[in-house]
Protein backbone atom coordinates (compact mmCIF):
# COMPACT_ATOMS: atom_id res chain seq x y z
CA CYS A 1 0.12 -0.03 -0.03
CA SER A 2 3.10 2.47 0.18
CA SER A 3 2.88 2.35 -3.61
CA LEU A 4 -0.42 4.22 -3.15
CA ALA A 5 0.44 7.26 -1.11
CA ASN A 6 2.38 10.22 -1.58
CA MET A 7 6.23 8.79 -1.43
CA LYS A 8 7.64 12.61 -1.01
CA ASN A 9 5.64 12.80 2.44
CA LEU A 10 7.54 9.94 3.54
CA ALA A 11 11.06 11.20 2.90
CA PRO A 12 13.18 12.01 6.17
CA PRO A 13 11.60 15.20 7.42
CA ASP A 14 13.94 18.57 7.67
CA ASN A 15 14.68 19.00 11.96
CA THR A 16 16.89 21.69 11.19
CA LYS A 17 13.99 24.49 10.74
CA THR A 18 12.50 23.33 13.87
CA PRO A 19 15.38 23.35 16.58
CA GLY A 20 14.67 21.01 19.39
CA LEU A 21 11.53 19.11 17.85
CA ASN A 22 11.86 15.99 16.47
CA LYS A 23 9.78 15.53 13.39
CA ASN A 24 10.48 12.18 12.85
CA LEU A 25 7.63 11.33 15.74
CA ALA A 26 4.92 12.55 13.69
CA SER A 27 3.50 11.44 10.76
CA SER A 28 3.58 13.56 8.02
CA ASP A 29 0.99 12.07 5.90
CA GLY A 30 -2.65 11.09 6.71
CA TYR A 31 -3.40 8.36 3.85
CA PHE A 32 -2.53 5.31 5.91
CA ARG A 33 -4.23 6.52 8.76
CA ASP A 34 -7.35 7.32 6.73
CA LEU A 35 -6.61 3.66 4.99
CA GLY A 36 -6.97 1.93 8.26
CA SER A 37 -9.87 3.59 9.60
CA GLU A 38 -11.62 2.69 6.19
CA LEU A 39 -10.32 -1.14 6.92
CA ALA A 40 -11.37 -1.05 10.15
CA TYR A 41 -14.86 0.81 9.98
CA HIS A 42 -16.21 -1.31 6.96
CA SER A 43 -14.47 -4.42 6.06
CA GLN A 44 -13.34 -5.51 9.54
CA ILE A 45 -9.86 -5.87 8.73
CA GLY A 46 -6.99 -5.53 10.87
CA VAL A 47 -2.89 -4.80 9.74
CA ASP A 48 -0.05 -6.06 11.25
CA PHE A 49 2.83 -4.73 9.50
CA PHE A 50 6.10 -5.86 9.12
CA LEU A 51 8.62 -3.28 7.99
CA PHE A 52 12.39 -4.67 7.11
CA ALA A 53 14.42 -1.81 6.69
CA THR A 54 18.05 -1.19 5.60
CA CYS A 55 17.72 2.84 5.33
CA TYR A 56 15.43 5.34 6.44
CA LYS A 57 11.89 4.87 6.94
CA ASN A 58 8.90 6.68 8.07
CA VAL A 59 7.67 4.93 10.62
CA ALA A 60 5.44 7.18 12.35
CA THR A 61 3.37 7.95 9.23
CA LEU A 62 3.39 3.75 7.95
CA SER A 63 2.51 2.67 11.83
CA ALA A 64 -0.78 4.52 11.54
CA ILE A 65 -2.19 1.61 9.63
CA SER A 66 -1.76 -0.62 12.68
CA ASP A 67 -3.02 2.06 15.45
CA VAL A 68 -6.46 2.30 13.73
CA THR A 69 -7.04 -1.41 13.14
CA GLY A 70 -6.05 -2.90 16.49
CA GLY A 71 -2.78 -4.48 14.76
CA HIS A 72 1.00 -4.46 15.26
CA PHE A 73 3.84 -2.90 13.87
CA HIS A 74 6.80 -4.81 13.54
CA TYR A 75 10.37 -2.99 12.71
CA TYR A 76 13.63 -4.36 11.92
CA PRO A 77 16.04 -1.63 11.22
CA TYR A 78 18.80 -2.43 9.36
CA TYR A 79 17.77 -5.68 8.67
CA SER A 80 20.03 -8.59 8.23
CA PRO A 81 19.16 -12.34 7.58
CA ALA A 82 21.67 -13.68 9.75
CA LYS A 83 20.82 -11.39 12.62
CA ASP A 84 17.10 -11.16 12.41
CA SER A 85 15.66 -14.11 10.39
CA ASN A 86 14.91 -16.15 13.47
CA LYS A 87 12.94 -13.09 15.47
CA PHE A 88 11.15 -12.46 12.53
CA ALA A 89 10.21 -16.43 12.10
CA MET A 90 8.81 -16.65 15.25
CA GLU A 91 6.97 -13.55 15.51
CA PHE A 92 5.19 -14.41 12.13
CA PHE A 93 4.61 -17.88 12.98
CA ARG A 94 3.08 -16.92 16.36
CA LEU A 95 1.07 -14.55 14.26
CA LEU A 96 -0.49 -17.08 11.89
CA THR A 97 -0.80 -19.77 14.71
CA GLN A 98 -2.11 -18.03 17.86
CA PRO A 99 -6.39 -18.58 18.37
CA THR A 100 -7.30 -15.19 17.41
CA GLY A 101 -11.01 -13.67 17.64
CA TRP A 102 -12.31 -11.97 14.35
CA GLU A 103 -14.67 -8.80 13.82
CA GLY A 104 -14.86 -8.04 16.91
CA PHE A 105 -16.38 -5.19 19.30
CA PHE A 106 -15.27 -4.18 22.91
CA ARG A 107 -17.02 -2.45 25.10
CA VAL A 108 -16.15 -1.62 29.07
CA ARG A 109 -18.93 -0.24 31.44
CA VAL A 110 -18.20 0.88 35.15
CA SER A 111 -20.33 1.35 37.94
CA LYS A 112 -22.13 4.83 38.92
CA GLY A 113 -19.91 7.71 39.86
CA PHE A 114 -17.28 6.40 37.70
CA GLN A 115 -16.30 6.67 34.36
CA VAL A 116 -13.64 5.62 31.52
CA LYS A 117 -11.11 8.29 31.06
CA GLU A 118 -9.14 7.21 28.70
CA VAL A 119 -8.45 4.09 26.33
CA LEU A 120 -4.62 3.53 25.62
CA GLY A 121 -3.50 0.96 22.65
CA ASN A 122 -4.14 0.05 19.00
CA TYR A 123 -7.94 0.40 18.55
CA SER A 124 -10.65 2.45 16.60
CA PHE A 125 -14.06 3.56 17.93
CA LYS A 126 -17.37 2.12 16.43
CA SER A 127 -19.48 4.31 18.76
CA SER A 128 -18.52 6.57 21.59
CA ASP A 129 -17.92 3.80 23.80
CA LEU A 130 -17.76 0.75 21.35
CA VAL A 131 -14.16 -0.31 20.66
CA SER A 132 -13.57 -1.74 17.14
CA LEU A 133 -11.00 -4.59 17.24
CA PRO A 134 -11.13 -6.42 13.88
CA CYS A 135 -8.64 -9.17 15.02
CA VAL A 136 -7.60 -9.83 18.61
CA ASN A 137 -5.34 -12.35 20.32
CA ALA A 138 -2.94 -12.66 23.29
CA ASP A 139 -0.53 -10.17 22.41
CA LYS A 140 -3.05 -7.21 21.99
CA VAL A 141 -3.57 -5.07 24.85
CA LEU A 142 -5.91 -2.15 25.54
CA THR A 143 -5.48 -0.08 28.78
CA TYR A 144 -8.40 1.67 30.65
CA VAL A 145 -8.01 4.41 32.71
CA ILE A 146 -10.86 5.13 35.19
CA GLU A 147 -11.54 7.95 37.32
CA HIS A 148 -14.31 8.80 39.88
CA SER A 149 -16.51 11.51 40.62
CA SER A 150 -18.02 13.02 43.46
CA THR A 151 -21.03 11.44 43.47
CA MET A 152 -18.87 8.04 44.46
CA GLU A 153 -18.44 9.64 47.88
CA THR A 154 -22.01 10.02 48.79
CA ARG A 155 -22.51 6.13 48.64
CA PRO A 156 -22.56 4.21 51.69
CA LYS A 157 -20.31 1.12 50.61
CA PRO A 158 -18.62 2.44 47.49
CA GLN A 159 -17.60 0.07 45.08
CA LEU A 160 -16.29 -0.38 41.56
CA LEU A 161 -18.00 -2.53 39.18
CA ILE A 162 -16.42 -3.18 35.95
CA GLN A 163 -18.25 -5.02 33.23
CA CYS A 164 -16.29 -6.00 29.82
CA ALA A 165 -17.83 -7.68 27.00
CA TYR A 166 -16.45 -8.99 23.81
CA LEU A 167 -18.21 -9.80 20.73
CA TYR A 168 -16.48 -11.62 17.85
CA SER A 169 -16.14 -14.57 15.67
CA THR A 170 -14.01 -17.87 16.38
CA SER A 171 -11.44 -18.93 13.40
CA ASP A 172 -14.23 -21.66 13.12
CA GLY A 173 -16.90 -18.96 12.23
CA GLN A 174 -19.16 -19.37 15.40
CA ARG A 175 -20.40 -15.98 16.51
CA ARG A 176 -19.93 -15.32 20.37
CA ILE A 177 -20.09 -13.03 23.13
CA ARG A 178 -17.51 -13.21 26.30
CA VAL A 179 -18.96 -11.27 29.45
CA HIS A 180 -16.63 -10.58 32.57
CA THR A 181 -17.78 -8.82 35.33
CA SER A 182 -15.73 -8.06 38.60
CA ILE A 183 -16.19 -5.75 41.98
CA TYR A 184 -13.45 -4.02 43.62
CA PRO A 185 -13.66 -2.22 46.80
CA VAL A 186 -13.15 1.56 47.21
CA THR A 187 -10.48 2.99 49.97
CA GLN A 188 -9.89 6.29 50.98
CA LYS A 189 -6.18 5.58 51.73
CA ILE A 190 -3.34 5.54 49.41
CA GLN A 191 -1.43 2.33 50.94
CA PRO A 192 -3.78 -0.28 50.20
CA ILE A 193 -3.95 0.76 46.32
CA TYR A 194 -0.08 0.38 46.29
CA ASP A 195 0.02 -2.68 48.18
CA TYR A 196 -2.19 -4.21 46.15
CA ALA A 197 -0.92 -2.93 42.49
CA ASN A 198 0.15 -4.93 39.59
CA LEU A 199 3.39 -3.57 38.96
CA THR A 200 3.56 -4.45 35.13
CA VAL A 201 -0.05 -3.33 34.18
CA LEU A 202 0.98 -0.13 35.81
CA MET A 203 4.45 0.46 34.26
CA LYS A 204 3.06 -0.53 30.82
CA GLY A 205 0.26 2.24 31.50
CA ILE A 206 3.25 4.93 32.32
CA LEU A 207 5.06 3.99 29.38
CA VAL A 208 2.29 4.27 26.83
CA LYS A 209 1.12 7.79 28.19
CA GLY A 210 5.12 8.81 28.11
CA LEU A 211 5.23 7.61 24.49
CA LYS A 212 1.52 9.64 23.55
CA ALA A 213 3.55 12.84 25.48
CA MET A 214 6.43 12.67 23.58
CA LYS A 215 4.74 12.67 20.00
CA SER A 216 2.24 15.14 21.19
CA ILE A 217 4.97 17.93 21.50
CA LEU A 218 7.67 16.12 19.01
CA LYS A 219 10.41 16.23 22.20
CA VAL A 220 11.96 12.41 22.86
CA GLY A 221 13.07 14.16 26.28
CA GLU A 222 9.56 14.33 27.33
CA GLY A 223 8.64 10.88 27.22
CA ARG A 224 11.43 10.37 29.73
CA ARG A 225 10.61 13.22 31.69
CA TYR A 226 6.90 11.68 31.97
CA ILE A 227 8.36 8.44 33.09
CA GLU A 228 10.61 9.94 35.86
CA THR A 229 8.14 12.39 37.09
CA GLN A 230 5.46 9.61 37.24
CA THR A 231 7.99 7.30 39.45
CA ARG A 232 8.68 10.04 41.45
CA GLU A 233 4.68 10.75 42.35
CA ILE A 234 4.11 7.36 43.33
CA ILE A 235 7.33 7.18 45.51
CA ARG A 236 5.98 10.64 47.30
CA ALA A 237 2.67 9.26 47.65
CA ILE A 238 3.91 5.80 49.16
CA LYS A 239 5.81 8.22 51.80
CA GLN A 240 3.14 10.18 52.76
CA GLY A 241 0.80 7.46 53.44
CA SER A 242 3.20 4.90 54.81
CA GLY A 243 3.57 6.99 58.60
CA PHE A 244 7.21 6.81 58.24
CA GLY A 245 7.74 10.23 58.43
CA ASN A 246 10.78 10.48 56.08
CA GLN A 247 11.60 6.90 55.35
CA VAL A 248 10.27 5.20 52.47
CA GLN A 249 8.81 1.51 52.89
CA ILE A 250 8.20 0.15 49.31
CA PRO A 251 5.48 -2.32 49.36
CA PRO A 252 6.08 -5.32 47.85
CA SER A 253 4.37 -5.48 45.27
CA LEU A 254 6.45 -2.21 43.67
CA GLU A 255 10.01 -3.26 45.10
CA TYR A 256 11.04 -3.13 41.27
CA LEU A 257 9.23 0.16 40.61
CA LEU A 258 13.03 1.95 40.40
CA ALA A 259 14.27 -0.96 38.51
CA TYR A 260 11.16 -0.86 35.76
CA ALA A 261 11.77 2.79 35.41
CA LEU A 262 15.37 2.93 35.05
CA GLY A 263 14.88 0.37 32.37
CA LEU A 264 12.00 2.14 30.48
CA ILE A 265 14.42 5.21 30.41
CA LYS A 266 17.32 3.58 28.94
CA GLN A 267 15.43 2.32 26.03
CA ASN A 268 16.91 3.63 22.65
CA ILE A 269 13.82 5.80 21.93
CA PHE A 270 14.12 7.96 24.93
CA ARG A 271 17.93 8.06 24.81
CA HIS A 272 17.87 10.47 21.15
């Protein structure tokens, strides 16, 4: 499909005219995003893009087609068969053989007093709260950010109920719906929240929002600063809620928080 796009817009951007900004982070052409929206909305097609590069490729522009169709973008910079062939073979084999849901729609409902603030991941909206997912497998992840409102505090026993519903077709052509409903207690204390935190999910959300912040203002350092700021805020909140004065007692669930954060900011994407 790259032959259909304006190839001039896939050329390397000129960063010399905008010092401090990295235009490589921004899409230079809306063709692939528009094509992806058309495929997802009208044809229920998801695009997993494999890009083998031996020179500059406009990844920010090309990857938009996967962003809106719920797909993955697999990038092999400076591709070498000797170095990358095994990785490609394993990723391609897994993509073709793992169980997959087709022509799917996903919706999350929350109880009164709460609302979905943001959805992070590769998807497109079919309606205001209905997410279109043309193909879903175990490697696809959506992160829902849920916030509470003031009405929640007036309830005698505030609880958070979350219901997730996924309508899809199996590879055998059966149309199915899967519904998962869960209930969570609500607390006014910060410490229990961190005691039961899932560090992997937490850092995944911070990483995605850091990348989003980086792309929004075209500055690589902004993504790194976001991760550092969020990590400091978590440590500060734990310190204030622990009751140990100036000492910080990290709960076991977050004992590798700093290691995760350091590992993220050392990734190449945040270092250039």
